[in-house]
């Protein structure tokens, strides 16, 4: 399942992230990597950014990138 179809406040484990090197590097810098446990805090309207909790911080990622992040429950 991709992250954009997830539910709020449920912990997910990241199974895969985009392979585009620039996007991959930025996600890694934000603490979003394969095996990390994250949860969705908020969806912004009209396919806007998704705010997720990763580790001790919160990060907003675009809906388009969230569609390419695969997670498992």
N, C-alpha and C. Protein backbone atom coordinates (compact mmCIF):
# COMPACT_ATOMS: atom_id res chain seq x y z
N UNK A 1 0.86 -1.17 0.00
CA UNK A 1 0.00 0.00 0.00
C UNK A 1 0.90 1.23 0.00
N UNK A 2 0.50 2.26 -0.72
CA UNK A 2 1.32 3.47 -0.68
C UNK A 2 0.83 4.40 0.43
N UNK A 3 1.73 5.26 0.87
CA UNK A 3 1.48 6.11 2.02
C UNK A 3 0.27 7.03 1.83
N UNK A 4 0.00 7.45 0.62
CA UNK A 4 -1.12 8.38 0.38
C UNK A 4 -2.47 7.73 0.66
N UNK A 5 -2.52 6.40 0.74
CA UNK A 5 -3.77 5.70 1.03
C UNK A 5 -3.87 5.26 2.49
N UNK A 6 -2.90 5.66 3.31
CA UNK A 6 -2.87 5.27 4.71
C UNK A 6 -3.92 6.00 5.55
N UNK A 7 -4.06 5.57 6.77
CA UNK A 7 -4.97 6.19 7.74
C UNK A 7 -4.16 6.97 8.76
N UNK A 8 -4.78 7.97 9.36
CA UNK A 8 -4.11 8.79 10.35
C UNK A 8 -3.84 8.01 11.64
N UNK A 9 -2.72 8.34 12.28
CA UNK A 9 -2.33 7.87 13.60
C UNK A 9 -2.09 6.36 13.72
N UNK A 10 -1.88 5.69 12.60
CA UNK A 10 -1.56 4.26 12.61
C UNK A 10 -0.08 4.12 12.26
N UNK A 11 0.69 3.39 13.07
CA UNK A 11 2.11 3.22 12.73
C UNK A 11 2.30 2.32 11.51
N UNK A 12 3.15 2.76 10.60
CA UNK A 12 3.49 2.00 9.39
C UNK A 12 5.00 1.83 9.32
N UNK A 13 5.43 0.75 8.72
CA UNK A 13 6.84 0.54 8.44
C UNK A 13 7.05 0.79 6.95
N UNK A 14 8.07 1.57 6.62
CA UNK A 14 8.34 1.87 5.22
C UNK A 14 8.97 0.65 4.56
N UNK A 15 8.34 0.18 3.48
CA UNK A 15 8.84 -0.98 2.73
C UNK A 15 9.77 -0.53 1.61
N UNK A 16 9.46 0.59 0.95
CA UNK A 16 10.33 1.12 -0.10
C UNK A 16 10.06 2.61 -0.30
N UNK A 17 11.09 3.30 -0.78
CA UNK A 17 10.98 4.73 -1.08
C UNK A 17 11.39 4.94 -2.53
N UNK A 18 11.08 6.10 -3.11
CA UNK A 18 11.43 6.34 -4.52
C UNK A 18 12.92 6.16 -4.77
N UNK A 19 13.24 5.65 -5.96
CA UNK A 19 14.64 5.40 -6.30
C UNK A 19 15.31 6.58 -6.98
N UNK A 20 14.55 7.61 -7.34
CA UNK A 20 15.15 8.82 -7.92
C UNK A 20 16.18 9.35 -6.92
N UNK A 21 17.42 9.50 -7.33
CA UNK A 21 18.50 9.79 -6.39
C UNK A 21 18.29 11.09 -5.61
N UNK A 22 17.79 12.14 -6.23
CA UNK A 22 17.60 13.41 -5.52
C UNK A 22 16.49 13.27 -4.47
N UNK A 23 15.37 12.68 -4.85
CA UNK A 23 14.26 12.48 -3.91
C UNK A 23 14.71 11.55 -2.79
N UNK A 24 15.42 10.48 -3.15
CA UNK A 24 15.90 9.51 -2.18
C UNK A 24 16.80 10.18 -1.15
N UNK A 25 17.73 11.00 -1.58
CA UNK A 25 18.64 11.70 -0.67
C UNK A 25 17.90 12.63 0.27
N UNK A 26 16.91 13.34 -0.25
CA UNK A 26 16.14 14.27 0.59
C UNK A 26 15.32 13.52 1.63
N UNK A 27 14.71 12.40 1.23
CA UNK A 27 13.94 11.61 2.19
C UNK A 27 14.84 11.04 3.28
N UNK A 28 16.01 10.55 2.89
CA UNK A 28 16.95 10.01 3.87
C UNK A 28 17.37 11.09 4.86
N UNK A 29 17.59 12.31 4.39
CA UNK A 29 17.98 13.42 5.25
C UNK A 29 16.87 13.77 6.25
N UNK A 30 15.62 13.49 5.88
CA UNK A 30 14.48 13.77 6.76
C UNK A 30 14.17 12.61 7.70
N UNK A 31 14.94 11.53 7.61
CA UNK A 31 14.71 10.37 8.47
C UNK A 31 13.68 9.41 7.92
N UNK A 32 13.41 9.50 6.61
CA UNK A 32 12.45 8.62 5.96
C UNK A 32 13.23 7.63 5.11
N UNK A 33 13.33 6.41 5.58
CA UNK A 33 14.12 5.37 4.92
C UNK A 33 13.44 4.02 5.09
N UNK A 34 13.85 3.05 4.30
CA UNK A 34 13.25 1.71 4.38
C UNK A 34 13.47 1.15 5.78
N UNK A 35 12.40 0.64 6.36
CA UNK A 35 12.46 0.07 7.70
C UNK A 35 12.06 1.04 8.80
N UNK A 36 12.00 2.33 8.49
CA UNK A 36 11.62 3.33 9.50
C UNK A 36 10.14 3.20 9.83
N UNK A 37 9.79 3.51 11.07
CA UNK A 37 8.39 3.49 11.49
C UNK A 37 7.89 4.93 11.50
N UNK A 38 6.78 5.14 10.79
CA UNK A 38 6.19 6.48 10.67
C UNK A 38 4.70 6.40 10.94
N UNK A 39 4.08 7.55 11.14
CA UNK A 39 2.62 7.61 11.22
C UNK A 39 2.17 8.92 10.57
N UNK A 40 0.97 8.88 10.02
CA UNK A 40 0.41 10.06 9.37
C UNK A 40 -0.27 10.91 10.43
N UNK A 41 0.12 12.16 10.51
CA UNK A 41 -0.50 13.06 11.47
C UNK A 41 -1.67 13.81 10.85
N UNK A 42 -1.50 14.25 9.59
CA UNK A 42 -2.55 15.06 8.98
C UNK A 42 -2.46 15.01 7.46
N UNK A 43 -3.62 14.95 6.84
CA UNK A 43 -3.73 15.11 5.38
C UNK A 43 -4.21 16.53 5.13
N UNK A 44 -3.57 17.25 4.24
CA UNK A 44 -4.05 18.57 3.87
C UNK A 44 -4.97 18.41 2.66
N UNK A 45 -5.98 19.27 2.52
CA UNK A 45 -7.00 19.09 1.48
C UNK A 45 -6.47 19.18 0.05
N UNK A 46 -7.27 18.63 -0.85
CA UNK A 46 -7.04 18.72 -2.30
C UNK A 46 -5.68 18.16 -2.71
N UNK A 47 -5.37 16.98 -2.21
CA UNK A 47 -4.10 16.30 -2.53
C UNK A 47 -2.90 17.17 -2.21
N UNK A 48 -3.00 17.90 -1.10
CA UNK A 48 -1.88 18.72 -0.63
C UNK A 48 -0.89 17.85 0.13
N UNK A 49 0.07 18.49 0.77
CA UNK A 49 1.08 17.73 1.50
C UNK A 49 0.48 16.87 2.61
N UNK A 50 1.23 15.83 2.95
CA UNK A 50 0.86 14.93 4.04
C UNK A 50 1.88 15.14 5.15
N UNK A 51 1.40 15.41 6.35
CA UNK A 51 2.29 15.61 7.48
C UNK A 51 2.45 14.27 8.19
N UNK A 52 3.70 13.82 8.30
CA UNK A 52 3.96 12.54 8.95
C UNK A 52 4.89 12.74 10.13
N UNK A 53 4.80 11.82 11.08
CA UNK A 53 5.72 11.81 12.20
C UNK A 53 6.73 10.72 11.92
N UNK A 54 8.00 11.11 11.86
CA UNK A 54 9.09 10.17 11.62
C UNK A 54 10.10 10.37 12.74
N UNK A 55 10.27 9.37 13.56
CA UNK A 55 11.15 9.51 14.72
C UNK A 55 10.56 10.50 15.70
N UNK A 56 11.34 11.52 16.07
CA UNK A 56 10.84 12.51 17.01
C UNK A 56 10.37 13.79 16.33
N UNK A 57 10.46 13.84 15.00
CA UNK A 57 10.08 15.04 14.27
C UNK A 57 8.88 14.84 13.38
N UNK A 58 8.38 15.95 12.87
CA UNK A 58 7.27 15.93 11.93
C UNK A 58 7.75 16.53 10.62
N UNK A 59 7.31 15.93 9.52
CA UNK A 59 7.76 16.33 8.19
C UNK A 59 6.55 16.39 7.27
N UNK A 60 6.52 17.39 6.38
CA UNK A 60 5.48 17.46 5.36
C UNK A 60 6.09 16.99 4.05
N UNK A 61 5.43 16.02 3.41
CA UNK A 61 5.89 15.56 2.10
C UNK A 61 4.74 15.71 1.11
N UNK A 62 5.09 15.88 -0.14
CA UNK A 62 4.06 16.09 -1.16
C UNK A 62 3.24 14.83 -1.37
N UNK A 63 2.03 15.02 -1.82
CA UNK A 63 1.14 13.90 -2.12
C UNK A 63 1.76 13.00 -3.19
N UNK A 64 2.40 13.61 -4.19
CA UNK A 64 3.00 12.85 -5.29
C UNK A 64 4.12 11.93 -4.78
N UNK A 65 4.95 12.42 -3.88
CA UNK A 65 6.02 11.58 -3.33
C UNK A 65 5.41 10.50 -2.43
N UNK A 66 4.39 10.86 -1.66
CA UNK A 66 3.74 9.88 -0.78
C UNK A 66 3.17 8.70 -1.58
N UNK A 67 2.75 8.94 -2.81
CA UNK A 67 2.24 7.87 -3.64
C UNK A 67 3.31 6.86 -3.99
N UNK A 68 4.57 7.23 -3.91
CA UNK A 68 5.68 6.35 -4.27
C UNK A 68 6.37 5.74 -3.06
N UNK A 69 5.87 6.04 -1.85
CA UNK A 69 6.42 5.44 -0.64
C UNK A 69 5.51 4.29 -0.25
N UNK A 70 6.03 3.07 -0.32
CA UNK A 70 5.24 1.90 0.04
C UNK A 70 5.43 1.57 1.50
N UNK A 71 4.31 1.29 2.17
CA UNK A 71 4.35 1.00 3.62
C UNK A 71 3.60 -0.30 3.91
N UNK A 72 3.90 -0.87 5.06
CA UNK A 72 3.16 -2.04 5.55
C UNK A 72 2.75 -1.73 6.98
N UNK A 73 1.66 -2.34 7.40
CA UNK A 73 1.14 -2.12 8.75
C UNK A 73 1.92 -2.90 9.75
